[in-house]
Protein backbone atom coordinates (compact mmCIF):
# COMPACT_ATOMS: atom_id res chain seq x y z
CA UNK A 1 -0.23 0.01 -0.19
CA UNK A 2 1.18 3.23 -1.10
CA UNK A 3 1.94 5.79 1.88
CA UNK A 4 0.23 9.55 2.14
CA UNK A 5 1.94 12.65 2.89
CA UNK A 6 0.61 15.15 3.79
CA UNK A 7 2.23 18.95 4.62
CA UNK A 8 3.16 20.50 7.77
CA UNK A 9 0.66 23.04 7.57
CA UNK A 10 -2.20 20.11 7.45
CA UNK A 11 -0.44 18.61 10.54
CA UNK A 12 -0.85 22.15 12.25
CA UNK A 13 -4.23 22.38 11.27
CA UNK A 14 -4.98 18.83 12.51
CA UNK A 15 -3.71 19.72 16.02
CA UNK A 16 -5.15 23.32 15.91
CA UNK A 17 -8.76 21.56 15.32
CA UNK A 18 -8.54 19.27 18.07
CA UNK A 19 -7.43 22.02 20.36
CA UNK A 20 -10.44 23.61 19.04
CA UNK A 21 -13.11 20.83 19.66
CA UNK A 22 -11.84 20.64 23.01
CA UNK A 23 -14.46 22.92 24.97
CA UNK A 24 -12.03 22.78 28.10
CA UNK A 25 -9.47 24.73 25.89
CA UNK A 26 -11.87 27.39 24.74
CA UNK A 27 -12.23 28.86 27.88
CA UNK A 28 -9.40 28.30 30.29
CA UNK A 29 -9.01 29.82 34.10
CA UNK A 30 -5.09 29.53 34.73
CA UNK A 31 -2.69 30.88 37.40
CA UNK A 32 1.39 30.82 37.64
CA UNK A 33 3.98 33.21 37.49
CA UNK A 34 5.06 35.62 34.21
CA UNK A 35 8.68 35.84 33.23
CA UNK A 36 10.07 37.33 29.86
CA UNK A 37 7.35 39.85 30.09
CA UNK A 38 7.24 42.58 27.15
CA UNK A 39 4.84 45.34 26.43
CA UNK A 40 5.39 46.46 22.67
CA UNK A 41 4.36 49.65 21.38
CA UNK A 42 1.57 48.39 19.44
CA UNK A 43 0.08 47.65 22.91
CA UNK A 44 0.51 44.13 22.82
CA UNK A 45 1.62 41.88 25.93
CA UNK A 46 3.64 38.84 25.15
CA UNK A 47 5.06 36.97 28.34
CA UNK A 48 5.98 33.43 29.64
CA UNK A 49 3.37 31.76 31.98
CA UNK A 50 5.38 29.26 34.51
CA UNK A 51 5.01 27.09 37.64
CA UNK A 52 7.91 24.73 38.93
CA UNK A 53 7.40 22.38 36.37
CA UNK A 54 6.06 23.59 33.30
CA UNK A 55 5.63 26.35 31.23
CA UNK A 56 3.74 28.08 28.27
CA UNK A 57 4.04 30.93 25.90
CA UNK A 58 0.83 33.45 26.58
CA UNK A 59 -0.10 37.03 24.43
CA UNK A 60 -2.46 39.49 25.01
CA UNK A 61 -3.60 41.56 21.96
CA UNK A 62 -4.80 45.20 23.04
CA UNK A 63 -3.35 44.83 26.97
CA UNK A 64 -1.96 48.43 26.90
CA UNK A 65 -6.25 49.44 27.12
CA UNK A 66 -7.21 45.92 29.00
CA UNK A 67 -4.94 46.42 31.93
CA UNK A 68 -5.19 49.97 32.77
CA UNK A 69 -3.59 50.26 36.61
CA UNK A 70 -2.30 46.52 36.39
CA UNK A 71 1.80 46.80 35.09
CA UNK A 72 2.58 43.25 34.56
CA UNK A 73 6.25 42.34 35.31
CA UNK A 74 8.59 39.60 35.78
CA UNK A 75 8.10 37.43 39.06
CA UNK A 76 4.30 38.99 38.83
CA UNK A 77 2.02 35.72 40.18
CA UNK A 78 -1.37 36.31 38.28
CA UNK A 79 -5.17 34.84 37.29
CA UNK A 80 -5.27 34.56 33.71
CA UNK A 81 -8.58 34.13 31.61
CA UNK A 82 -8.08 33.14 28.41
CA UNK A 83 -8.06 30.19 25.84
CA UNK A 84 -5.33 27.72 24.38
CA UNK A 85 -5.02 27.68 20.56
CA UNK A 86 -2.35 26.88 17.91
CA UNK A 87 0.29 29.51 16.41
CA UNK A 88 -0.06 28.20 12.77
CA UNK A 89 3.15 29.99 11.80
CA UNK A 90 5.63 28.41 14.29
CA UNK A 91 3.67 25.37 15.35
CA UNK A 92 3.53 26.22 18.88
CA UNK A 93 0.29 26.18 20.68
CA UNK A 94 0.15 29.26 23.53
CA UNK A 95 -2.39 31.00 25.76
CA UNK A 96 -4.50 33.79 24.37
CA UNK A 97 -5.51 36.12 27.03
CA UNK A 98 -8.63 38.22 27.77
CA UNK A 99 -8.20 39.15 31.47
CA UNK A 100 -5.28 38.84 34.16
CA UNK A 101 -5.47 40.17 37.61
CA UNK A 102 -2.82 39.61 40.60
CA UNK A 103 -2.51 36.67 42.60
CA UNK A 104 0.88 37.82 44.51
CA UNK A 105 4.24 37.94 43.67
CA UNK A 106 6.08 34.73 42.66
CA UNK A 107 9.00 33.33 44.76
CA UNK A 108 12.21 34.00 42.77
CA UNK A 109 11.16 37.75 42.80
CA UNK A 110 10.29 37.88 46.28
CA UNK A 111 13.63 36.53 47.19
CA UNK A 112 15.49 39.03 45.00
CA UNK A 113 13.35 41.65 46.68
CA UNK A 114 14.52 40.23 50.66
CA UNK A 115 17.89 40.18 49.47
CA UNK A 116 18.34 43.51 47.79
CA UNK A 117 16.55 44.84 51.00
CA UNK A 118 19.52 42.74 52.98
CA UNK A 119 22.45 44.23 51.18
CA UNK A 120 21.28 47.72 51.33
CA UNK A 121 21.10 47.77 54.63
CA UNK A 122 24.47 46.32 55.13
CA UNK A 123 25.60 49.42 52.95
CA UNK A 124 26.86 47.38 49.34
CA UNK A 125 24.83 49.80 47.23
CA UNK A 126 26.45 53.05 48.60
CA UNK A 127 27.83 55.70 46.51
CA UNK A 128 30.72 56.13 48.95
CA UNK A 129 32.10 52.79 47.78
CA UNK A 130 31.64 53.00 44.03
CA UNK A 131 35.48 52.96 42.55
CA UNK A 132 35.84 55.14 39.22
CA UNK A 133 36.48 53.84 36.09
CA UNK A 134 39.20 54.24 34.41
CA UNK A 135 39.10 57.03 31.41
CA UNK A 136 41.82 55.08 29.30
CA UNK A 137 42.09 51.79 30.04
CA UNK A 138 44.75 49.28 28.62
CA UNK A 139 43.62 46.32 29.90
CA UNK A 140 39.91 45.00 30.41
CA UNK A 141 38.54 41.93 31.74
CA UNK A 142 35.09 40.25 31.01
CA UNK A 143 33.20 37.49 32.74
CA UNK A 144 30.74 36.14 31.14
CA UNK A 145 29.78 32.98 28.30
CA UNK A 146 32.44 32.03 25.95
CA UNK A 147 30.33 31.55 23.14
CA UNK A 148 27.52 33.95 23.79
CA UNK A 149 26.68 37.37 22.17
CA UNK A 150 27.54 39.17 24.81
CA UNK A 151 31.77 38.76 24.69
CA UNK A 152 31.29 39.22 20.81
CA UNK A 153 29.37 42.24 21.38
CA UNK A 154 31.69 43.37 24.01
CA UNK A 155 34.88 42.53 22.06
CA UNK A 156 33.78 44.24 18.58
CA UNK A 157 32.76 47.50 20.35
CA UNK A 158 36.10 47.80 22.41
CA UNK A 159 38.11 47.31 19.58
CA UNK A 160 36.31 49.40 17.29
CA UNK A 161 36.40 52.24 19.87
CA UNK A 162 39.66 51.88 21.64
CA UNK A 163 41.82 49.22 19.72
CA UNK A 164 44.54 50.63 21.95
CA UNK A 165 42.69 48.26 24.77
CA UNK A 166 43.80 44.25 25.76
CA UNK A 167 40.80 42.33 26.47
CA UNK A 168 40.66 39.15 28.27
CA UNK A 169 38.36 36.79 28.75
CA UNK A 170 37.24 35.14 32.12
CA UNK A 171 34.92 32.17 30.86
CA UNK A 172 32.06 31.50 33.18
CA UNK A 173 28.79 29.92 33.45
CA UNK A 174 25.85 32.56 33.35
CA UNK A 175 23.02 29.81 33.95
CA UNK A 176 22.11 27.38 35.95
CA UNK A 177 22.65 25.93 39.18
CA UNK A 178 26.66 26.19 39.31
CA UNK A 179 26.80 29.54 37.61
CA UNK A 180 27.10 31.67 40.74
CA UNK A 181 30.20 29.74 42.06
CA UNK A 182 31.71 29.85 38.57
CA UNK A 183 31.08 33.54 38.33
CA UNK A 184 32.69 33.77 41.86
CA UNK A 185 35.55 31.99 40.80
CA UNK A 186 35.99 33.81 37.81
CA UNK A 187 36.03 37.31 39.41
CA UNK A 188 38.39 36.72 41.97
CA UNK A 189 40.98 34.92 39.30
CA UNK A 190 40.68 37.94 37.62
CA UNK A 191 42.66 39.83 40.29
CA UNK A 192 45.71 38.07 39.28
CA UNK A 193 45.66 40.09 35.74
CA UNK A 194 46.15 43.64 36.63
CA UNK A 195 42.89 44.89 34.89
CA UNK A 196 41.87 48.72 34.83
CA UNK A 197 38.45 47.38 34.50
CA UNK A 198 36.17 44.09 35.09
CA UNK A 199 32.83 43.56 32.96
CA UNK A 200 30.78 41.37 34.37
CA UNK A 201 27.33 40.45 32.93
CA UNK A 202 25.65 38.04 29.97
CA UNK A 203 22.82 38.96 27.27
CA UNK A 204 19.03 39.04 28.35
CA UNK A 205 16.55 36.07 29.34
CA UNK A 206 13.91 35.45 32.06
CA UNK A 207 14.33 35.84 35.65
CA UNK A 208 15.18 32.50 35.81
CA UNK A 209 17.97 32.59 33.30
CA UNK A 210 19.55 35.91 35.62
CA UNK A 211 19.16 34.57 38.50
CA UNK A 212 22.28 33.78 39.30
CA UNK A 213 23.33 37.49 39.01
CA UNK A 214 20.64 37.60 41.34
CA UNK A 215 22.84 35.18 44.21
CA UNK A 216 24.20 36.78 47.35
CA UNK A 217 27.74 35.34 46.87
CA UNK A 218 27.93 36.69 43.47
CA UNK A 219 27.07 39.95 45.09
CA UNK A 220 29.65 39.92 47.44
CA UNK A 221 32.05 38.83 44.86
CA UNK A 222 31.66 42.33 43.22
CA UNK A 223 31.91 44.01 45.98
CA UNK A 224 35.11 42.98 47.31
CA UNK A 225 36.69 43.28 44.04
CA UNK A 226 39.69 45.40 44.04
CA UNK A 227 39.12 46.50 40.11
CA UNK A 228 36.13 48.55 39.63
CA UNK A 229 33.21 46.42 38.21
CA UNK A 230 30.49 47.14 35.45
CA UNK A 231 27.65 44.94 35.44
CA UNK A 232 26.31 44.21 32.17
CA UNK A 233 23.13 41.77 33.07
CA UNK A 234 20.21 40.98 30.22
CA UNK A 235 18.62 44.35 28.79
CA UNK A 236 18.04 47.64 29.50
CA UNK A 237 14.48 46.99 31.58
CA UNK A 238 16.40 44.02 33.46
CA UNK A 239 17.90 45.18 36.59
CA UNK A 240 19.83 42.45 39.36
CA UNK A 241 21.25 42.67 42.37
CA UNK A 242 24.73 43.04 40.42
CA UNK A 243 23.60 45.76 39.10
CA UNK A 244 23.13 47.47 42.59
CA UNK A 245 26.51 46.49 43.57
CA UNK A 246 28.42 46.69 40.88
CA UNK A 247 30.75 50.56 40.66
CA UNK A 248 28.60 51.07 37.83
CA UNK A 249 25.28 49.59 35.78
CA UNK A 250 25.02 49.10 31.86
CA UNK A 251 21.85 48.12 30.35
CA UNK A 252 23.68 45.53 27.67
CA UNK A 253 26.79 43.91 27.60
CA UNK A 254 27.29 46.51 24.28
CA UNK A 255 26.89 49.84 26.29
CA UNK A 256 28.92 48.05 28.88
CA UNK A 257 31.97 48.24 26.43
CA UNK A 258 30.85 51.58 25.38
CA UNK A 259 31.32 52.57 28.72
CA UNK A 260 34.70 51.19 29.78
CA UNK A 261 36.22 52.54 27.01
CA UNK A 262 36.79 56.23 25.10
CA UNK A 263 36.09 56.64 21.71
CA UNK A 264 39.37 56.92 19.71
CA UNK A 265 38.34 58.84 16.93
CA UNK A 266 36.95 61.75 19.01
CA UNK A 267 39.74 61.41 21.90
CA UNK A 268 42.63 61.65 18.64
CA UNK A 269 40.22 64.74 16.92
CA UNK A 270 40.60 66.45 20.38
CA UNK A 271 44.29 65.76 20.35
CA UNK A 272 44.91 66.70 16.90
CA UNK A 273 43.00 70.36 18.27
CA UNK A 274 45.15 70.95 20.86
CA UNK A 275 48.26 69.99 19.10
CA UNK A 276 47.01 72.74 16.42
CA UNK A 277 46.22 75.44 19.22
CA UNK A 278 49.90 74.80 21.04
CA UNK A 279 51.50 75.35 17.66
CA UNK A 280 49.45 78.56 16.81
CA UNK A 281 50.11 79.65 20.42
CA UNK A 282 53.88 79.06 19.93
CA UNK A 283 53.92 80.48 16.30
CA UNK A 284 51.89 83.66 18.18
CA UNK A 285 54.21 83.70 20.90
CA UNK A 286 57.49 83.20 18.40
CA UNK A 287 56.24 86.04 16.36
CA UNK A 288 56.25 88.62 19.13
CA UNK A 289 59.09 87.65 20.68
CA UNK A 290 61.10 87.72 16.96
CA UNK A 291 59.46 91.46 16.76
CA UNK A 292 60.90 92.21 20.03
CA UNK A 293 64.40 91.06 19.18
CA UNK A 294 64.44 92.96 15.94
CA UNK A 295 63.65 96.26 17.71
CA UNK A 296 66.47 95.75 19.91
CA UNK A 297 69.11 94.41 17.11
CA UNK A 298 68.51 97.38 15.71
CA UNK A 299 69.29 99.84 18.12
CA UNK A 300 72.64 101.36 17.78
CA UNK A 301 73.87 98.96 20.04
CA UNK A 302 74.24 96.52 17.74
CA UNK A 303 74.23 98.26 14.27
CA UNK A 304 76.71 100.84 15.10
CA UNK A 305 78.79 100.03 18.74
CA UNK A 306 81.70 102.34 17.97
CA UNK A 307 78.87 105.50 18.04
CA UNK A 308 78.34 104.62 21.94
CA UNK A 309 81.84 103.71 23.20
CA UNK A 310 83.73 106.23 21.12
CA UNK A 311 82.53 109.65 22.53
CA UNK A 312 82.82 107.51 26.09
CA UNK A 313 86.35 106.87 25.59
CA UNK A 314 86.94 110.46 24.86
CA UNK A 315 85.73 111.74 28.20
CA UNK A 316 87.75 108.78 29.80
CA UNK A 317 91.07 110.28 27.68
CA UNK A 318 90.05 113.73 29.52
CA UNK A 319 89.26 112.69 32.27
CA UNK A 320 93.02 110.64 32.92
CA UNK A 321 94.39 113.80 31.89
CA UNK A 322 92.79 115.72 34.31
CA UNK A 323 93.91 113.61 37.03
CA UNK A 324 97.49 112.92 35.64
CA UNK A 325 97.70 116.79 35.81
CA UNK A 326 96.21 117.41 39.22
CA UNK A 327 98.05 114.55 40.76
CA UNK A 328 101.50 116.07 39.33
CA UNK A 329 100.30 119.63 40.82
CA UNK A 330 99.45 118.03 44.32
CA UNK A 331 102.99 116.12 44.30
CA UNK A 332 104.68 119.45 43.25
CA UNK A 333 102.65 121.63 45.92
CA UNK A 334 103.47 118.96 48.59
CA UNK A 335 106.93 118.71 47.60
CA UNK A 336 107.48 122.04 48.09
CA UNK A 337 106.39 121.88 52.08
CA UNK A 338 108.23 118.58 52.71
CA UNK A 339 111.44 120.33 51.59
CA UNK A 340 110.69 123.37 54.10
CA UNK A 341 110.00 120.58 57.02
CA UNK A 342 112.96 118.76 56.06
CA UNK A 343 115.24 122.02 56.61
CA UNK A 344 113.71 123.25 59.61
CA UNK A 345 115.29 122.87 63.14
CA UNK A 346 113.22 119.57 63.96
CA UNK A 347 114.57 117.68 61.50
CA UNK A 348 118.52 119.10 61.46
CA UNK A 349 118.57 118.52 65.76
CA UNK A 350 115.81 116.99 67.08
CA UNK A 351 117.92 115.99 70.36
CA UNK A 352 118.19 119.33 71.73
CA UNK A 353 114.38 120.05 71.09
CA UNK A 354 113.67 117.25 73.28
CA UNK A 355 116.14 118.17 75.98
CA UNK A 356 114.83 121.46 76.03
CA UNK A 357 111.20 120.47 76.07
CA UNK A 358 112.13 117.85 79.08
CA UNK A 359 113.95 120.59 80.81
CA UNK A 360 110.99 122.64 80.79
CA UNK A 361 108.61 119.65 81.84
CA UNK A 362 111.08 119.22 85.00
CA UNK A 363 111.09 122.92 86.05
CA UNK A 364 106.88 122.68 85.88
CA UNK A 365 106.91 119.61 88.13
CA UNK A 366 109.13 121.28 90.88
CA UNK A 367 106.83 124.51 91.00
CA UNK A 368 103.70 122.06 90.99
CA UNK A 369 105.55 120.29 94.13
CA UNK A 370 106.23 123.31 95.84
CA UNK A 371 102.45 124.61 95.98
CA UNK A 372 101.22 121.13 97.01
CA UNK A 373 99.14 120.65 100.01
CA UNK A 374 100.04 117.86 100.64
CA UNK A 375 103.97 118.47 101.49
CA UNK A 376 102.34 121.01 103.99
CA UNK A 377 100.81 118.56 106.22
CA UNK A 378 104.22 116.28 105.93
CA UNK A 379 105.85 119.43 108.03
CA UNK A 380 103.13 119.01 110.65
CA UNK A 381 100.70 121.48 109.45
CA UNK A 382 96.97 120.39 109.30
CA UNK A 383 93.90 121.21 107.35
CA UNK A 384 90.56 122.21 108.69
CA UNK A 385 87.19 121.72 106.94
CA UNK A 386 83.74 122.07 108.06
CA UNK A 387 81.21 120.57 105.66
CA UNK A 388 83.42 119.60 103.14
CA UNK A 389 84.85 123.45 102.92
CA UNK A 390 87.92 124.36 103.78
CA UNK A 391 88.36 126.94 107.05
CA UNK A 392 90.82 129.62 106.47
CA UNK A 393 89.89 131.67 109.35
CA UNK A 394 88.70 131.14 112.64
CA UNK A 395 85.88 134.15 112.17
CA UNK A 396 84.55 131.45 109.34
CA UNK A 397 83.26 129.05 112.09
CA UNK A 398 80.56 129.35 115.43
CA UNK A 399 79.84 127.18 118.22
CA UNK A 400 78.77 123.92 117.81
CA UNK A 401 80.27 123.49 113.75
CA UNK A 402 81.68 120.10 113.05
CA UNK A 403 85.14 120.22 111.92
CA UNK A 404 87.56 117.43 109.88
CA UNK A 405 90.93 117.80 111.02
CA UNK A 406 93.26 116.35 108.29
CA UNK A 407 97.01 115.74 109.26
CA UNK A 408 99.53 114.01 107.14
CA UNK A 409 98.55 109.97 108.32
CA UNK A 410 94.66 110.49 108.73
CA UNK A 411 91.78 112.66 109.31
CA UNK A 412 90.30 113.48 113.15
CA UNK A 413 86.20 114.89 113.29
CA UNK A 414 85.91 117.33 116.11
CA UNK A 415 83.14 120.25 117.07
CA UNK A 416 83.87 124.00 117.63
CA UNK A 417 82.90 124.59 121.69
């Protein structure tokens, strides 16, 4: 019997008809935890609804107008009313939603909030602990998956913007049970490579996919890292604990690379502009100094110096002549005086002059000796004083006056009766 082959579309239509004929699936009430929530500009909401063992894709058309105050997000537990149908293009069944209401916060999200609050209270998020990202790094490390899109984007961006920088990959698991421990190991290992900056991250995903970056051991490893750390986990809307504890958070791995290095073209243009300005300033200063130099060189001192020093030489010669003439006149005048002195008696017979002066000196001494009152006392005479005055007559005294009688060998005090 010849086999009959049907098309993929026919199979999909068949399965779709089976689902559509099942009344239990045409109007279903289902609950679970939302992840990969994405509200498009069109107003349509796409997400994944999951529990501990399974998951299903979901879509809600016109969600922007139907949800009103409800803002679906990852980790939110919800109650959903809708239907199950087949999306023929992809050949998958999914949940088409009519109504969503909140049923509480998912377990992972609750753990996330609790750890965030704990680490925040400990000060791991404080700005005072944030290290500055170097402006011109020479070596950047990246902790991420070896074969993921994140490392390709980071390397491409860095090489394009700052080709002077070396990029070192520290390959790590970024998803799964062992991912957190692997990330911590690579962060600690990176500190042996003299890095300027370390990028830690991965591409986007659900809250489950990104959960290793919400683990406490990863947060503390980033906080303790001596190298400035840029966190680059997921997409722009994704926030993990690693983002809060890192020195800087980037929306995506590509954004992290752009933050980590400066744009080479802009830096080069800036340097070229500074070089041009410096040359212009030097040329301007050189021109001004040259003009001053030319003005100085054009002076007579440099163009014809003989005109300056020739008159000075003549003046010097005149002064020298005057000095010589004056000195000769002074010498002749003093020579005449010297001749007069030399012919005086003091130079002819100085011993006679000294002898005459000495004899006259002795004569004067003998006269003074005769007049010396002390010699009179030696001959037995006394000298009477009252109140320090010499008494030459008894009339100068009255009864009761005190007298000081001076002898040759001493004094005696007495009183007039």
